[in-house]
Amino acid sequence: MKKAIIIILILILMILGIRTAISLLHSATNTEPASNLKIIKLPEPKYDSKTSVEKALLKRRSVRSYKNEPVTLAETSQLLWAAQGITNPEGFRTAPSAGALYPLEVYLIAGNVDSLNAGIYKYKNHRHALIRVREGDKRKGLSMAAFAQRAVRDAALDIVISAVYERTTVKYRKRGIRYVHMEAGHAAQNIFLQAVSLNLGTVTIGAFWDGQVKRVVNMPDEEHPLYIIPVGRK
């Protein structure tokens, strides 16, 4: 029986190629019982604005202080789409990925978002939807995991980017680790520029205890946090 399964997997790799096989395995290992899922469909992203790419680059600044005002669900949707949204029927995304293997996962830590209960959500880009991971406002706990940085606590929301390195290293081996880190940077810059277009403030944070962030966010073992990105009104 085991030999038959191995042969089938080899055939899948030969016929579909590494990228597609990884995608199938990724989907299989991330399934949850339907009864445990709280799926929230996000507003459709917009593909045009009054802010040019050049203007967004010019105005981009790190902002660590935010007003105690909510961010809308539409704005939240736009930020998540900018990070890892689907832009092509073949599954290509807003940020480039080595070999189109897409190792990144995106979490939303919502604290002050209109029409969305406080909690932790995972972004499912193929549905452009959120799946609730944990209930309740976890911004303070995430802030403590990031050496008590106030921006994480005071932001209306935080975006956490994690990576499953094996999705990339299976093809590129050790070099793939570098590619994953490059890809995380691409996604973070997308969020930054989108925030500028929405007149929101944000900053990228890399100083945190990995293990504590994983516990707060409830990440699977194979995921590793790379960024915390607070977002709020300036």
Protein backbone atom coordinates (compact mmCIF):
# COMPACT_ATOMS: atom_id res chain seq x y z
CA MET A 1 0.00 0.00 0.00
CA LYS A 2 2.78 2.43 0.95
CA LYS A 3 4.65 1.64 -2.27
CA ALA A 4 1.53 2.36 -4.29
CA ILE A 5 1.10 5.73 -2.58
CA ILE A 6 4.75 6.64 -3.25
CA ILE A 7 4.39 5.69 -6.93
CA ILE A 8 1.25 7.82 -7.23
CA LEU A 9 3.01 10.82 -5.66
CA ILE A 10 5.96 10.43 -8.05
CA LEU A 11 3.57 10.33 -10.99
CA ILE A 12 1.86 13.50 -9.76
CA LEU A 13 5.23 15.24 -9.52
CA MET A 14 6.14 14.13 -13.04
CA ILE A 15 2.82 15.07 -14.61
CA LEU A 16 1.92 18.25 -12.77
CA GLY A 17 5.36 19.55 -11.84
CA ILE A 18 6.71 20.55 -8.48
CA ARG A 19 4.77 23.79 -8.15
CA THR A 20 1.35 22.25 -8.68
CA ALA A 21 2.11 19.26 -6.48
CA ILE A 22 3.21 21.54 -3.65
CA SER A 23 0.01 23.51 -4.07
CA LEU A 24 -2.05 20.33 -3.76
CA LEU A 25 -0.14 19.20 -0.68
CA HIS A 26 -0.45 22.66 0.82
CA SER A 27 -4.23 22.58 0.39
CA ALA A 28 -4.45 19.12 1.85
CA THR A 29 -2.46 19.98 4.96
CA ASN A 30 -4.43 23.14 5.64
CA THR A 31 -7.92 21.71 5.64
CA GLU A 32 -10.03 22.12 8.76
CA PRO A 33 -13.43 20.70 9.66
CA ALA A 34 -16.10 22.91 8.09
CA SER A 35 -17.85 23.20 11.44
CA ASN A 36 -14.77 24.93 12.92
CA LEU A 37 -14.47 27.56 10.21
CA LYS A 38 -15.79 31.10 10.39
CA ILE A 39 -15.43 32.38 6.82
CA ILE A 40 -15.86 36.10 6.22
CA LYS A 41 -16.00 37.28 2.63
CA LEU A 42 -14.08 40.52 2.13
CA PRO A 43 -15.19 43.45 -0.05
CA GLU A 44 -13.80 43.25 -3.56
CA PRO A 45 -10.50 45.12 -3.93
CA LYS A 46 -10.25 48.19 -6.12
CA TYR A 47 -7.74 48.31 -8.95
CA ASP A 48 -7.47 52.07 -9.34
CA SER A 49 -7.01 55.11 -7.12
CA LYS A 50 -6.12 58.79 -7.21
CA THR A 51 -2.64 58.04 -5.85
CA SER A 52 0.00 57.16 -8.43
CA VAL A 53 2.77 54.67 -7.72
CA GLU A 54 5.24 57.55 -7.89
CA LYS A 55 3.27 59.60 -5.35
CA ALA A 56 3.00 56.62 -3.00
CA LEU A 57 6.76 56.08 -3.17
CA LEU A 58 7.36 59.77 -2.49
CA LYS A 59 5.05 59.86 0.55
CA ARG A 60 6.03 56.52 2.08
CA ARG A 61 7.17 56.96 5.67
CA SER A 62 7.25 54.76 8.78
CA VAL A 63 4.41 55.83 11.09
CA ARG A 64 4.34 54.47 14.65
CA SER A 65 1.57 56.58 16.25
CA TYR A 66 -2.09 56.18 15.35
CA LYS A 67 -5.43 57.78 16.19
CA ASN A 68 -7.92 55.75 18.19
CA GLU A 69 -10.20 55.46 15.17
CA PRO A 70 -11.37 52.39 13.24
CA VAL A 71 -10.15 51.21 9.87
CA THR A 72 -12.91 50.12 7.52
CA LEU A 73 -13.37 46.56 6.32
CA ALA A 74 -12.91 47.78 2.73
CA GLU A 75 -9.53 49.31 3.64
CA THR A 76 -8.54 46.11 5.42
CA SER A 77 -9.52 44.12 2.34
CA GLN A 78 -7.36 46.36 0.17
CA LEU A 79 -4.31 45.93 2.43
CA LEU A 80 -4.60 42.14 2.44
CA TRP A 81 -5.07 42.03 -1.32
CA ALA A 82 -1.96 44.21 -1.74
CA ALA A 83 0.02 41.73 0.35
CA GLN A 84 -0.90 38.47 -1.37
CA GLY A 85 -3.99 38.98 -3.51
CA ILE A 86 -4.67 36.88 -6.60
CA THR A 87 -4.20 38.83 -9.84
CA ASN A 88 -4.42 36.12 -12.49
CA PRO A 89 -6.58 33.07 -13.25
CA GLU A 90 -3.45 30.91 -12.90
CA GLY A 91 -3.04 32.04 -9.29
CA PHE A 92 -0.30 34.63 -9.68
CA ARG A 93 -0.22 37.21 -6.90
CA THR A 94 0.49 40.86 -6.22
CA ALA A 95 4.03 40.03 -5.04
CA PRO A 96 6.53 38.00 -7.09
CA SER A 97 7.55 34.57 -5.82
CA ALA A 98 10.54 32.42 -6.78
CA GLY A 99 9.20 29.60 -8.93
CA ALA A 100 5.65 30.78 -8.12
CA LEU A 101 5.82 28.54 -5.03
CA TYR A 102 4.25 31.10 -2.67
CA PRO A 103 5.62 30.29 0.79
CA LEU A 104 3.94 33.22 2.56
CA GLU A 105 0.88 33.22 4.82
CA VAL A 106 -0.89 36.37 5.99
CA TYR A 107 -2.72 36.92 9.28
CA LEU A 108 -4.91 39.81 10.37
CA ILE A 109 -4.96 40.77 14.04
CA ALA A 110 -8.09 42.91 14.15
CA GLY A 111 -8.74 45.22 17.08
CA ASN A 112 -10.55 48.25 15.71
CA VAL A 113 -11.96 47.36 12.31
CA ASP A 114 -15.48 48.40 11.35
CA SER A 115 -17.90 45.50 10.84
CA LEU A 116 -15.37 42.92 12.02
CA ASN A 117 -15.17 41.40 15.48
CA ALA A 118 -11.84 41.67 17.26
CA GLY A 119 -9.80 38.53 16.72
CA ILE A 120 -7.14 36.82 14.65
CA TYR A 121 -7.93 35.84 11.08
CA LYS A 122 -6.05 34.07 8.33
CA TYR A 123 -6.26 35.55 4.85
CA LYS A 124 -7.39 33.08 2.18
CA ASN A 125 -6.47 34.81 -1.05
CA HIS A 126 -8.13 32.35 -3.45
CA ARG A 127 -11.45 33.25 -1.82
CA HIS A 128 -10.42 36.79 -0.87
CA ALA A 129 -11.82 35.94 2.53
CA LEU A 130 -10.88 35.62 6.18
CA ILE A 131 -11.01 32.53 8.35
CA ARG A 132 -11.17 33.22 12.06
CA VAL A 133 -8.34 31.63 14.02
CA ARG A 134 -8.93 33.14 17.48
CA GLU A 135 -11.56 35.35 19.06
CA GLY A 136 -10.88 38.51 21.05
CA ASP A 137 -8.51 41.47 20.87
CA LYS A 138 -4.96 40.06 20.82
CA ARG A 139 -3.09 43.28 20.03
CA LYS A 140 -1.68 43.64 23.54
CA GLY A 141 -0.38 40.08 23.56
CA LEU A 142 1.20 40.58 20.15
CA SER A 143 2.75 43.82 21.36
CA MET A 144 4.32 42.02 24.34
CA ALA A 145 5.77 39.44 21.93
CA ALA A 146 7.32 42.39 20.07
CA PHE A 147 9.15 43.82 23.10
CA ALA A 148 6.09 45.89 24.11
CA GLN A 149 6.25 48.12 21.03
CA ARG A 150 3.33 50.53 21.32
CA ALA A 151 2.68 50.68 17.58
CA VAL A 152 1.58 47.04 17.64
CA ARG A 153 -0.77 47.65 20.56
CA ASP A 154 -2.20 50.99 19.38
CA ALA A 155 -2.77 50.16 15.70
CA ALA A 156 -6.32 49.48 14.55
CA LEU A 157 -4.99 46.25 13.08
CA ASP A 158 -1.75 44.33 12.69
CA ILE A 159 -0.77 42.20 9.73
CA VAL A 160 1.56 39.27 10.44
CA ILE A 161 3.42 37.66 7.56
CA SER A 162 4.74 34.14 8.08
CA ALA A 163 6.47 31.65 5.81
CA VAL A 164 6.56 27.93 5.18
CA TYR A 165 10.16 27.64 4.00
CA GLU A 166 9.76 24.09 2.69
CA ARG A 167 7.50 25.24 -0.13
CA THR A 168 10.49 27.04 -1.65
CA THR A 169 13.47 25.03 -0.39
CA VAL A 170 12.05 21.82 -1.88
CA LYS A 171 13.04 23.27 -5.25
CA TYR A 172 15.83 25.75 -4.46
CA ARG A 173 17.29 24.04 -1.39
CA LYS A 174 19.30 26.31 0.95
CA ARG A 175 19.16 29.19 -1.52
CA GLY A 176 15.39 29.14 -1.16
CA ILE A 177 15.62 30.62 2.34
CA ARG A 178 16.98 33.82 0.80
CA TYR A 179 14.19 33.83 -1.79
CA VAL A 180 11.55 33.55 0.94
CA HIS A 181 12.97 36.56 2.78
CA MET A 182 13.06 38.56 -0.44
CA GLU A 183 9.43 37.67 -1.10
CA ALA A 184 8.36 38.79 2.37
CA GLY A 185 9.96 42.16 1.62
CA HIS A 186 8.02 42.43 -1.63
CA ALA A 187 4.73 41.80 0.20
CA ALA A 188 5.56 44.24 2.99
CA GLN A 189 6.36 47.03 0.53
CA ASN A 190 3.06 46.37 -1.23
CA ILE A 191 1.26 46.88 2.09
CA PHE A 192 3.24 50.05 2.72
CA LEU A 193 2.36 51.59 -0.64
CA GLN A 194 -1.28 50.54 -0.34
CA ALA A 195 -1.44 52.18 3.10
CA VAL A 196 -0.14 55.43 1.59
CA SER A 197 -2.83 55.27 -1.08
CA LEU A 198 -5.47 54.81 1.66
CA ASN A 199 -3.96 57.63 3.76
CA LEU A 200 -3.18 55.18 6.56
CA GLY A 201 -0.02 54.94 8.65
CA THR A 202 2.10 51.82 8.95
CA VAL A 203 5.54 50.56 9.91
CA THR A 204 7.32 47.24 9.42
CA ILE A 205 8.51 45.46 12.56
CA GLY A 206 10.98 42.61 12.74
CA ALA A 207 11.94 42.75 16.43
CA PHE A 208 9.91 40.10 18.23
CA TRP A 209 10.10 36.72 19.94
CA ASP A 210 9.24 34.19 17.23
CA GLY A 211 7.85 31.62 19.63
CA GLN A 212 5.60 34.12 21.39
CA VAL A 213 4.25 35.47 18.11
CA LYS A 214 3.46 31.93 17.00
CA ARG A 215 1.58 31.26 20.23
CA VAL A 216 -0.42 34.49 20.06
CA VAL A 217 -1.37 33.99 16.43
CA ASN A 218 -1.84 30.22 16.83
CA MET A 219 0.44 29.39 13.89
CA PRO A 220 1.06 25.82 12.75
CA ASP A 221 4.50 24.42 13.55
CA GLU A 222 5.67 24.65 9.93
CA GLU A 223 5.07 28.42 9.75
CA HIS A 224 7.64 30.99 10.89
CA PRO A 225 6.79 34.67 11.54
CA LEU A 226 8.78 37.22 9.54
CA TYR A 227 6.95 40.54 9.89
CA ILE A 228 4.51 42.39 12.12
CA ILE A 229 2.96 45.33 10.29
CA PRO A 230 0.74 47.65 12.37
CA VAL A 231 -1.74 49.84 10.48
CA GLY A 232 -3.86 52.72 11.75
CA ARG A 233 -5.15 56.21 11.05
CA LYS A 234 -2.54 58.94 11.15
